[in-house]
Amino acid sequence: MAGSDKYTINSQRSVLTEEQDALLDLYIQHLDNFFEDIKKSEKIQVEIETLHLKRILKK
């Protein structure tokens, strides 16, 4: 059964050449990293805004 799964995966990817598949993998990895960086920056922004609001409330 594992062999048939491998065959299915290979036949689905046969639309792309190996080079195109490698480029697609790199592009997807780049997008994943980009979105992870966005998540991190949003967390930092929320923390900055929270600290700012706390300072305002303490005054």
PDB file of N, CA and C in Angstrom:
ATOM      1  N   MET A   1       0.816  -1.198   0.000  1.00  0.00           N
ATOM      2  CA  MET A   1       0.000   0.000   0.000  1.00  0.00           C
ATOM      3  C   MET A   1       0.858   1.259   0.000  1.00  0.00           C
ATOM      4  N   ALA A   2       1.985   1.219   0.716  1.00  0.00           N
ATOM      5  CA  ALA A   2       2.866   2.380   0.734  1.00  0.00           C
ATOM      6  C   ALA A   2       3.385   2.676  -0.662  1.00  0.00           C
ATOM      7  N   GLY A   3       3.620   1.639  -1.439  1.00  0.00           N
ATOM      8  CA  GLY A   3       4.084   1.830  -2.803  1.00  0.00           C
ATOM      9  C   GLY A   3       3.049   2.531  -3.663  1.00  0.00           C
ATOM     10  N   SER A   4       1.780   2.179  -3.476  1.00  0.00           N
ATOM     11  CA  SER A   4       0.732   2.830  -4.260  1.00  0.00           C
ATOM     12  C   SER A   4       0.568   4.285  -3.858  1.00  0.00           C
ATOM     13  N   ASP A   5       0.766   4.604  -2.564  1.00  0.00           N
ATOM     14  CA  ASP A   5       0.710   6.000  -2.126  1.00  0.00           C
ATOM     15  C   ASP A   5       1.834   6.801  -2.773  1.00  0.00           C
ATOM     16  N   LYS A   6       3.016   6.209  -2.823  1.00  0.00           N
ATOM     17  CA  LYS A   6       4.154   6.882  -3.439  1.00  0.00           C
ATOM     18  C   LYS A   6       3.879   7.116  -4.922  1.00  0.00           C
ATOM     19  N   TYR A   7       3.288   6.141  -5.575  1.00  0.00           N
ATOM     20  CA  TYR A   7       2.969   6.281  -6.993  1.00  0.00           C
ATOM     21  C   TYR A   7       1.962   7.411  -7.199  1.00  0.00           C
ATOM     22  N   THR A   8       0.965   7.500  -6.323  1.00  0.00           N
ATOM     23  CA  THR A   8      -0.047   8.547  -6.431  1.00  0.00           C
ATOM     24  C   THR A   8       0.585   9.918  -6.276  1.00  0.00           C
ATOM     25  N   ILE A   9       1.459  10.058  -5.292  1.00  0.00           N
ATOM     26  CA  ILE A   9       2.119  11.344  -5.071  1.00  0.00           C
ATOM     27  C   ILE A   9       2.969  11.710  -6.284  1.00  0.00           C
ATOM     28  N   ASN A  10       3.730  10.765  -6.795  1.00  0.00           N
ATOM     29  CA  ASN A  10       4.576  11.040  -7.953  1.00  0.00           C
ATOM     30  C   ASN A  10       3.754  11.384  -9.182  1.00  0.00           C
ATOM     31  N   SER A  11       2.639  10.695  -9.395  1.00  0.00           N
ATOM     32  CA  SER A  11       1.832  10.984 -10.575  1.00  0.00           C
ATOM     33  C   SER A  11       1.149  12.341 -10.447  1.00  0.00           C
ATOM     34  N   GLN A  12       0.841  12.768  -9.241  1.00  0.00           N
ATOM     35  CA  GLN A  12       0.237  14.083  -9.061  1.00  0.00           C
ATOM     36  C   GLN A  12       1.260  15.188  -9.307  1.00  0.00           C
ATOM     37  N   ARG A  13       2.509  14.943  -8.996  1.00  0.00           N
ATOM     38  CA  ARG A  13       3.548  15.951  -9.167  1.00  0.00           C
ATOM     39  C   ARG A  13       4.154  15.935 -10.564  1.00  0.00           C
ATOM     40  N   SER A  14       3.761  15.013 -11.400  1.00  0.00           N
ATOM     41  CA  SER A  14       4.376  14.896 -12.716  1.00  0.00           C
ATOM     42  C   SER A  14       4.057  16.087 -13.613  1.00  0.00           C
ATOM     43  N   VAL A  15       3.152  16.942 -13.200  1.00  0.00           N
ATOM     44  CA  VAL A  15       2.825  18.131 -13.978  1.00  0.00           C
ATOM     45  C   VAL A  15       4.021  19.083 -13.991  1.00  0.00           C
ATOM     46  N   LEU A  16       4.780  19.118 -12.893  1.00  0.00           N
ATOM     47  CA  LEU A  16       5.938  19.997 -12.789  1.00  0.00           C
ATOM     48  C   LEU A  16       7.225  19.225 -13.049  1.00  0.00           C
ATOM     49  N   THR A  17       8.196  19.929 -13.584  1.00  0.00           N
ATOM     50  CA  THR A  17       9.520  19.324 -13.692  1.00  0.00           C
ATOM     51  C   THR A  17      10.153  19.322 -12.301  1.00  0.00           C
ATOM     52  N   GLU A  18      11.247  18.597 -12.151  1.00  0.00           N
ATOM     53  CA  GLU A  18      11.923  18.558 -10.854  1.00  0.00           C
ATOM     54  C   GLU A  18      12.387  19.951 -10.446  1.00  0.00           C
ATOM     55  N   GLU A  19      12.875  20.717 -11.418  1.00  0.00           N
ATOM     56  CA  GLU A  19      13.345  22.075 -11.133  1.00  0.00           C
ATOM     57  C   GLU A  19      12.184  22.970 -10.688  1.00  0.00           C
ATOM     58  N   GLN A  20      11.056  22.867 -11.385  1.00  0.00           N
ATOM     59  CA  GLN A  20       9.884  23.653 -11.011  1.00  0.00           C
ATOM     60  C   GLN A  20       9.385  23.263  -9.630  1.00  0.00           C
ATOM     61  N   ASP A  21       9.397  21.969  -9.337  1.00  0.00           N
ATOM     62  CA  ASP A  21       8.960  21.487  -8.031  1.00  0.00           C
ATOM     63  C   ASP A  21       9.878  22.019  -6.935  1.00  0.00           C
ATOM     64  N   ALA A  22      11.185  22.021  -7.195  1.00  0.00           N
ATOM     65  CA  ALA A  22      12.141  22.546  -6.213  1.00  0.00           C
ATOM     66  C   ALA A  22      11.924  24.038  -6.002  1.00  0.00           C
ATOM     67  N   LEU A  23      11.691  24.772  -7.088  1.00  0.00           N
ATOM     68  CA  LEU A  23      11.423  26.205  -6.972  1.00  0.00           C
ATOM     69  C   LEU A  23      10.132  26.468  -6.208  1.00  0.00           C
ATOM     70  N   LEU A  24       9.121  25.659  -6.473  1.00  0.00           N
ATOM     71  CA  LEU A  24       7.856  25.797  -5.761  1.00  0.00           C
ATOM     72  C   LEU A  24       8.043  25.542  -4.269  1.00  0.00           C
ATOM     73  N   ASP A  25       8.814  24.511  -3.934  1.00  0.00           N
ATOM     74  CA  ASP A  25       9.095  24.223  -2.526  1.00  0.00           C
ATOM     75  C   ASP A  25       9.819  25.388  -1.859  1.00  0.00           C
ATOM     76  N   LEU A  26      10.808  25.970  -2.556  1.00  0.00           N
ATOM     77  CA  LEU A  26      11.527  27.120  -2.006  1.00  0.00           C
ATOM     78  C   LEU A  26      10.598  28.315  -1.817  1.00  0.00           C
ATOM     79  N   TYR A  27       9.727  28.541  -2.786  1.00  0.00           N
ATOM     80  CA  TYR A  27       8.780  29.651  -2.714  1.00  0.00           C
ATOM     81  C   TYR A  27       7.826  29.474  -1.537  1.00  0.00           C
ATOM     82  N   ILE A  28       7.312  28.267  -1.366  1.00  0.00           N
ATOM     83  CA  ILE A  28       6.404  27.984  -0.250  1.00  0.00           C
ATOM     84  C   ILE A  28       7.133  28.158   1.075  1.00  0.00           C
ATOM     85  N   GLN A  29       8.373  27.705   1.141  1.00  0.00           N
ATOM     86  CA  GLN A  29       9.169  27.882   2.360  1.00  0.00           C
ATOM     87  C   GLN A  29       9.380  29.370   2.644  1.00  0.00           C
ATOM     88  N   HIS A  30       9.648  30.145   1.597  1.00  0.00           N
ATOM     89  CA  HIS A  30       9.820  31.589   1.750  1.00  0.00           C
ATOM     90  C   HIS A  30       8.532  32.232   2.263  1.00  0.00           C
ATOM     91  N   LEU A  31       7.402  31.829   1.713  1.00  0.00           N
ATOM     92  CA  LEU A  31       6.117  32.362   2.176  1.00  0.00           C
ATOM     93  C   LEU A  31       5.848  31.990   3.631  1.00  0.00           C
ATOM     94  N   ASP A  32       6.152  30.756   4.005  1.00  0.00           N
ATOM     95  CA  ASP A  32       5.984  30.329   5.395  1.00  0.00           C
ATOM     96  C   ASP A  32       6.818  31.196   6.328  1.00  0.00           C
ATOM     97  N   ASN A  33       8.075  31.428   5.954  1.00  0.00           N
ATOM     98  CA  ASN A  33       8.946  32.274   6.771  1.00  0.00           C
ATOM     99  C   ASN A  33       8.415  33.699   6.848  1.00  0.00           C
ATOM    100  N   PHE A  34       7.931  34.206   5.727  1.00  0.00           N
ATOM    101  CA  PHE A  34       7.384  35.559   5.681  1.00  0.00           C
ATOM    102  C   PHE A  34       6.193  35.699   6.629  1.00  0.00           C
ATOM    103  N   PHE A  35       5.270  34.744   6.588  1.00  0.00           N
ATOM    104  CA  PHE A  35       4.097  34.819   7.453  1.00  0.00           C
ATOM    105  C   PHE A  35       4.451  34.610   8.915  1.00  0.00           C
ATOM    106  N   GLU A  36       5.452  33.790   9.195  1.00  0.00           N
ATOM    107  CA  GLU A  36       5.918  33.631  10.577  1.00  0.00           C
ATOM    108  C   GLU A  36       6.492  34.947  11.084  1.00  0.00           C
ATOM    109  N   ASP A  37       7.240  35.649  10.233  1.00  0.00           N
ATOM    110  CA  ASP A  37       7.785  36.954  10.617  1.00  0.00           C
ATOM    111  C   ASP A  37       6.669  37.959  10.867  1.00  0.00           C
ATOM    112  N   ILE A  38       5.625  37.909  10.056  1.00  0.00           N
ATOM    113  CA  ILE A  38       4.487  38.808  10.261  1.00  0.00           C
ATOM    114  C   ILE A  38       3.818  38.519  11.599  1.00  0.00           C
ATOM    115  N   LYS A  39       3.629  37.248  11.926  1.00  0.00           N
ATOM    116  CA  LYS A  39       3.031  36.880  13.214  1.00  0.00           C
ATOM    117  C   LYS A  39       3.870  37.408  14.366  1.00  0.00           C
ATOM    118  N   LYS A  40       5.195  37.245  14.258  1.00  0.00           N
ATOM    119  CA  LYS A  40       6.090  37.724  15.313  1.00  0.00           C
ATOM    120  C   LYS A  40       6.000  39.238  15.455  1.00  0.00           C
ATOM    121  N   SER A  41       5.976  39.943  14.335  1.00  0.00           N
ATOM    122  CA  SER A  41       5.915  41.402  14.394  1.00  0.00           C
ATOM    123  C   SER A  41       4.579  41.875  14.957  1.00  0.00           C
ATOM    124  N   GLU A  42       3.500  41.158  14.665  1.00  0.00           N
ATOM    125  CA  GLU A  42       2.200  41.519  15.235  1.00  0.00           C
ATOM    126  C   GLU A  42       2.201  41.328  16.743  1.00  0.00           C
ATOM    127  N   LYS A  43       2.830  40.256  17.226  1.00  0.00           N
ATOM    128  CA  LYS A  43       2.918  40.027  18.668  1.00  0.00           C
ATOM    129  C   LYS A  43       3.707  41.140  19.336  1.00  0.00           C
ATOM    130  N   ILE A  44       4.809  41.541  18.704  1.00  0.00           N
ATOM    131  CA  ILE A  44       5.619  42.625  19.257  1.00  0.00           C
ATOM    132  C   ILE A  44       4.821  43.920  19.272  1.00  0.00           C
ATOM    133  N   GLN A  45       4.090  44.193  18.213  1.00  0.00           N
ATOM    134  CA  GLN A  45       3.285  45.415  18.137  1.00  0.00           C
ATOM    135  C   GLN A  45       2.223  45.435  19.227  1.00  0.00           C
ATOM    136  N   VAL A  46       1.576  44.319  19.469  1.00  0.00           N
ATOM    137  CA  VAL A  46       0.565  44.233  20.527  1.00  0.00           C
ATOM    138  C   VAL A  46       1.212  44.480  21.882  1.00  0.00           C
ATOM    139  N   GLU A  47       2.392  43.926  22.088  1.00  0.00           N
ATOM    140  CA  GLU A  47       3.092  44.131  23.358  1.00  0.00           C
ATOM    141  C   GLU A  47       3.463  45.600  23.549  1.00  0.00           C
ATOM    142  N   ILE A  48       3.929  46.240  22.493  1.00  0.00           N
ATOM    143  CA  ILE A  48       4.268  47.665  22.564  1.00  0.00           C
ATOM    144  C   ILE A  48       3.031  48.486  22.889  1.00  0.00           C
ATOM    145  N   GLU A  49       1.931  48.211  22.211  1.00  0.00           N
ATOM    146  CA  GLU A  49       0.697  48.956  22.463  1.00  0.00           C
ATOM    147  C   GLU A  49       0.189  48.725  23.878  1.00  0.00           C
ATOM    148  N   THR A  50       0.315  47.503  24.371  1.00  0.00           N
ATOM    149  CA  THR A  50      -0.109  47.189  25.737  1.00  0.00           C
ATOM    150  C   THR A  50       0.720  47.971  26.745  1.00  0.00           C
ATOM    151  N   LEU A  51       2.033  47.992  26.554  1.00  0.00           N
ATOM    152  CA  LEU A  51       2.900  48.755  27.457  1.00  0.00           C
ATOM    153  C   LEU A  51       2.570  50.243  27.405  1.00  0.00           C
ATOM    154  N   HIS A  52       2.298  50.744  26.223  1.00  0.00           N
ATOM    155  CA  HIS A  52       1.939  52.154  26.076  1.00  0.00           C
ATOM    156  C   HIS A  52       0.638  52.464  26.821  1.00  0.00           C
ATOM    157  N   LEU A  53      -0.346  51.615  26.665  1.00  0.00           N
ATOM    158  CA  LEU A  53      -1.620  51.830  27.359  1.00  0.00           C
ATOM    159  C   LEU A  53      -1.450  51.736  28.871  1.00  0.00           C
ATOM    160  N   LYS A  54      -0.608  50.830  29.344  1.00  0.00           N
ATOM    161  CA  LYS A  54      -0.358  50.716  30.781  1.00  0.00           C
ATOM    162  C   LYS A  54       0.272  51.994  31.314  1.00  0.00           C
ATOM    163  N   ARG A  55       1.196  52.578  30.559  1.00  0.00           N
ATOM    164  CA  ARG A  55       1.826  53.839  30.975  1.00  0.00           C
ATOM    165  C   ARG A  55       0.798  54.957  31.045  1.00  0.00           C
ATOM    166  N   ILE A  56      -0.082  54.998  30.068  1.00  0.00           N
ATOM    167  CA  ILE A  56      -1.123  56.033  30.061  1.00  0.00           C
ATOM    168  C   ILE A  56      -2.032  55.873  31.273  1.00  0.00           C
ATOM    169  N   LEU A  57      -2.408  54.651  31.590  1.00  0.00           N
ATOM    170  CA  LEU A  57      -3.318  54.401  32.708  1.00  0.00           C
ATOM    171  C   LEU A  57      -2.667  54.692  34.058  1.00  0.00           C
ATOM    172  N   LYS A  58      -1.354  54.563  34.158  1.00  0.00           N
ATOM    173  CA  LYS A  58      -0.663  54.829  35.417  1.00  0.00           C
ATOM    174  C   LYS A  58      -0.577  56.319  35.715  1.00  0.00           C
ATOM    175  N   LYS A  59      -0.677  57.160  34.707  1.00  0.00           N
ATOM    176  CA  LYS A  59      -0.559  58.617  34.910  1.00  0.00           C
ATOM    177  C   LYS A  59      -1.747  59.189  35.610  1.00  0.00           C
TER     178      LYS A  59
END
